[in-house]
Amino acid sequence: MNLTYEKCGDYLIPNIIPDPEPEGELRKFGLMRKHYLKECKSGIYQGMILSGKLKEHLLMVQEQAELQFDVLVEQMAEREGVMEQLKEENQMLWVQKMNNIRTMAEEIVREEMLR
């Protein structure tokens, strides 16, 4: 944070100019982490906002969560035998199993990474 002052009468009033935020868009896991911090850890949330580190933290957690999610989905699909062959033979069953796997992986990531 850049801190400069403006003279107003006999007083110096701070001009608070925040540092530029890091580039990147918050997606599902980043927004989930933000909501958790805001609702359950408001002191940490406010501190990160004031220090200008919130978005950087959210982007880092989001990247790690997405990587873990992808690995979990791949491992669970392999363990359950959900392969391309099943997709060719019975698309509805493949979609059903993949939706279940993605839901389970999301729950695991939410419990381990986002809290």
C-alpha atoms as a PDB file:
ATOM      1  CA  MET A   1       0.000   0.000   0.000  1.00  0.00           C
ATOM      2  CA  ASN A   2       1.318   3.417  -0.950  1.00  0.00           C
ATOM      3  CA  LEU A   3       0.698   6.021   1.703  1.00  0.00           C
ATOM      4  CA  THR A   4       0.846   9.715   0.905  1.00  0.00           C
ATOM      5  CA  TYR A   5      -0.575  12.678   2.770  1.00  0.00           C
ATOM      6  CA  GLU A   6      -2.595  15.694   1.770  1.00  0.00           C
ATOM      7  CA  LYS A   7      -2.504  18.831   3.884  1.00  0.00           C
ATOM      8  CA  CYS A   8      -5.969  20.021   4.886  1.00  0.00           C
ATOM      9  CA  GLY A   9      -5.678  23.089   7.081  1.00  0.00           C
ATOM     10  CA  ASP A  10      -3.325  22.152   9.925  1.00  0.00           C
ATOM     11  CA  TYR A  11      -3.846  18.418   9.465  1.00  0.00           C
ATOM     12  CA  LEU A  12      -2.274  15.810   7.228  1.00  0.00           C
ATOM     13  CA  ILE A  13      -4.891  13.446   5.853  1.00  0.00           C
ATOM     14  CA  PRO A  14      -3.635  10.099   4.473  1.00  0.00           C
ATOM     15  CA  ASN A  15      -4.368   9.258   0.845  1.00  0.00           C
ATOM     16  CA  ILE A  16      -4.613   5.518   0.789  1.00  0.00           C
ATOM     17  CA  ILE A  17      -3.682   4.147  -2.621  1.00  0.00           C
ATOM     18  CA  PRO A  18      -3.899   0.355  -2.830  1.00  0.00           C
ATOM     19  CA  ASP A  19      -1.305  -1.654  -4.753  1.00  0.00           C
ATOM     20  CA  PRO A  20      -2.572  -3.109  -8.019  1.00  0.00           C
ATOM     21  CA  GLU A  21      -4.320  -6.439  -7.580  1.00  0.00           C
ATOM     22  CA  PRO A  22      -2.815  -9.534  -9.184  1.00  0.00           C
ATOM     23  CA  GLU A  23      -4.234 -10.580 -12.521  1.00  0.00           C
ATOM     24  CA  GLY A  24      -6.601 -13.497 -12.549  1.00  0.00           C
ATOM     25  CA  GLU A  25     -10.254 -14.329 -12.226  1.00  0.00           C
ATOM     26  CA  LEU A  26     -11.731 -15.919  -9.136  1.00  0.00           C
ATOM     27  CA  ARG A  27     -13.603 -19.078  -9.960  1.00  0.00           C
ATOM     28  CA  LYS A  28     -15.502 -21.623  -7.889  1.00  0.00           C
ATOM     29  CA  PHE A  29     -12.854 -22.622  -5.334  1.00  0.00           C
ATOM     30  CA  GLY A  30     -11.501 -19.094  -4.943  1.00  0.00           C
ATOM     31  CA  LEU A  31     -14.988 -17.745  -4.304  1.00  0.00           C
ATOM     32  CA  MET A  32     -15.704 -20.570  -1.853  1.00  0.00           C
ATOM     33  CA  ARG A  33     -12.543 -19.709   0.109  1.00  0.00           C
ATOM     34  CA  LYS A  34     -13.478 -16.016   0.092  1.00  0.00           C
ATOM     35  CA  HIS A  35     -16.955 -16.803   1.434  1.00  0.00           C
ATOM     36  CA  TYR A  36     -15.486 -19.041   4.163  1.00  0.00           C
ATOM     37  CA  LEU A  37     -13.019 -16.377   5.278  1.00  0.00           C
ATOM     38  CA  LYS A  38     -15.690 -13.685   5.247  1.00  0.00           C
ATOM     39  CA  GLU A  39     -18.227 -15.706   7.225  1.00  0.00           C
ATOM     40  CA  CYS A  40     -16.050 -17.758   9.591  1.00  0.00           C
ATOM     41  CA  LYS A  41     -12.701 -15.966   9.851  1.00  0.00           C
ATOM     42  CA  SER A  42     -13.651 -12.309   9.568  1.00  0.00           C
ATOM     43  CA  GLY A  43     -10.517 -11.068  11.379  1.00  0.00           C
ATOM     44  CA  ILE A  44      -8.217 -12.789   8.900  1.00  0.00           C
ATOM     45  CA  TYR A  45     -10.451 -11.649   6.025  1.00  0.00           C
ATOM     46  CA  GLN A  46     -10.340  -7.996   7.127  1.00  0.00           C
ATOM     47  CA  GLY A  47      -6.592  -8.171   7.710  1.00  0.00           C
ATOM     48  CA  MET A  48      -6.013  -9.509   4.209  1.00  0.00           C
ATOM     49  CA  ILE A  49      -8.213  -6.814   2.706  1.00  0.00           C
ATOM     50  CA  LEU A  50      -6.360  -4.091   4.586  1.00  0.00           C
ATOM     51  CA  SER A  51      -2.945  -5.464   3.634  1.00  0.00           C
ATOM     52  CA  GLY A  52      -3.998  -5.944  -0.006  1.00  0.00           C
ATOM     53  CA  LYS A  53      -3.175  -9.669   0.032  1.00  0.00           C
ATOM     54  CA  LEU A  54      -6.680 -11.158  -0.217  1.00  0.00           C
ATOM     55  CA  LYS A  55      -6.863 -11.698  -3.976  1.00  0.00           C
ATOM     56  CA  GLU A  56      -3.315 -13.057  -4.111  1.00  0.00           C
ATOM     57  CA  HIS A  57      -4.206 -15.565  -1.379  1.00  0.00           C
ATOM     58  CA  LEU A  58      -7.481 -16.534  -3.069  1.00  0.00           C
ATOM     59  CA  LEU A  59      -5.793 -17.110  -6.440  1.00  0.00           C
ATOM     60  CA  MET A  60      -3.110 -19.284  -4.816  1.00  0.00           C
ATOM     61  CA  VAL A  61      -5.679 -21.395  -2.920  1.00  0.00           C
ATOM     62  CA  GLN A  62      -7.832 -21.644  -6.053  1.00  0.00           C
ATOM     63  CA  GLU A  63      -4.922 -22.953  -8.129  1.00  0.00           C
ATOM     64  CA  GLN A  64      -3.991 -25.563  -5.520  1.00  0.00           C
ATOM     65  CA  ALA A  65      -7.609 -26.651  -5.062  1.00  0.00           C
ATOM     66  CA  GLU A  66      -8.164 -27.025  -8.809  1.00  0.00           C
ATOM     67  CA  LEU A  67      -5.022 -29.130  -9.161  1.00  0.00           C
ATOM     68  CA  GLN A  68      -6.051 -31.375  -6.270  1.00  0.00           C
ATOM     69  CA  PHE A  69      -9.589 -31.643  -7.670  1.00  0.00           C
ATOM     70  CA  ASP A  70      -8.312 -32.744 -11.088  1.00  0.00           C
ATOM     71  CA  VAL A  71      -5.994 -35.343  -9.571  1.00  0.00           C
ATOM     72  CA  LEU A  72      -8.749 -36.707  -7.326  1.00  0.00           C
ATOM     73  CA  VAL A  73     -11.241 -36.982 -10.201  1.00  0.00           C
ATOM     74  CA  GLU A  74      -8.685 -38.816 -12.312  1.00  0.00           C
ATOM     75  CA  GLN A  75      -7.728 -41.226  -9.516  1.00  0.00           C
ATOM     76  CA  MET A  76     -11.326 -41.906  -8.471  1.00  0.00           C
ATOM     77  CA  ALA A  77     -12.444 -42.487 -12.059  1.00  0.00           C
ATOM     78  CA  GLU A  78      -9.621 -44.958 -12.574  1.00  0.00           C
ATOM     79  CA  ARG A  79     -10.434 -46.757  -9.306  1.00  0.00           C
ATOM     80  CA  GLU A  80     -14.157 -46.962 -10.188  1.00  0.00           C
ATOM     81  CA  GLY A  81     -13.435 -48.156 -13.720  1.00  0.00           C
ATOM     82  CA  VAL A  82     -15.010 -45.151 -15.403  1.00  0.00           C
ATOM     83  CA  MET A  83     -13.107 -45.147 -18.715  1.00  0.00           C
ATOM     84  CA  GLU A  84     -13.728 -44.070 -22.287  1.00  0.00           C
ATOM     85  CA  GLN A  85     -14.994 -47.562 -23.097  1.00  0.00           C
ATOM     86  CA  LEU A  86     -17.897 -47.086 -20.660  1.00  0.00           C
ATOM     87  CA  LYS A  87     -18.593 -43.715 -22.244  1.00  0.00           C
ATOM     88  CA  GLU A  88     -18.918 -45.376 -25.654  1.00  0.00           C
ATOM     89  CA  GLU A  89     -21.091 -48.231 -24.362  1.00  0.00           C
ATOM     90  CA  ASN A  90     -23.402 -46.423 -21.932  1.00  0.00           C
ATOM     91  CA  GLN A  91     -23.204 -42.624 -21.928  1.00  0.00           C
ATOM     92  CA  MET A  92     -25.831 -42.073 -19.248  1.00  0.00           C
ATOM     93  CA  LEU A  93     -24.126 -44.408 -16.797  1.00  0.00           C
ATOM     94  CA  TRP A  94     -20.769 -42.714 -17.521  1.00  0.00           C
ATOM     95  CA  VAL A  95     -22.284 -39.249 -16.871  1.00  0.00           C
ATOM     96  CA  GLN A  96     -23.923 -40.467 -13.663  1.00  0.00           C
ATOM     97  CA  LYS A  97     -20.682 -41.971 -12.350  1.00  0.00           C
ATOM     98  CA  MET A  98     -18.585 -38.950 -13.348  1.00  0.00           C
ATOM     99  CA  ASN A  99     -21.039 -36.573 -11.653  1.00  0.00           C
ATOM    100  CA  ASN A 100     -20.813 -38.652  -8.461  1.00  0.00           C
ATOM    101  CA  ILE A 101     -17.010 -38.678  -8.639  1.00  0.00           C
ATOM    102  CA  ARG A 102     -16.829 -34.921  -9.226  1.00  0.00           C
ATOM    103  CA  THR A 103     -19.168 -34.282  -6.288  1.00  0.00           C
ATOM    104  CA  MET A 104     -17.089 -36.461  -3.971  1.00  0.00           C
ATOM    105  CA  ALA A 105     -13.848 -34.829  -5.129  1.00  0.00           C
ATOM    106  CA  GLU A 106     -15.324 -31.370  -4.587  1.00  0.00           C
ATOM    107  CA  GLU A 107     -16.349 -32.281  -1.039  1.00  0.00           C
ATOM    108  CA  ILE A 108     -12.851 -33.561  -0.273  1.00  0.00           C
ATOM    109  CA  VAL A 109     -11.211 -30.424  -1.662  1.00  0.00           C
ATOM    110  CA  ARG A 110     -13.649 -28.200   0.221  1.00  0.00           C
ATOM    111  CA  GLU A 111     -12.919 -29.912   3.537  1.00  0.00           C
ATOM    112  CA  GLU A 112      -9.147 -30.158   3.120  1.00  0.00           C
ATOM    113  CA  MET A 113      -8.168 -27.042   1.200  1.00  0.00           C
ATOM    114  CA  LEU A 114     -10.749 -24.371   1.705  1.00  0.00           C
ATOM    115  CA  ARG A 115     -10.941 -24.431   5.497  1.00  0.00           C
END
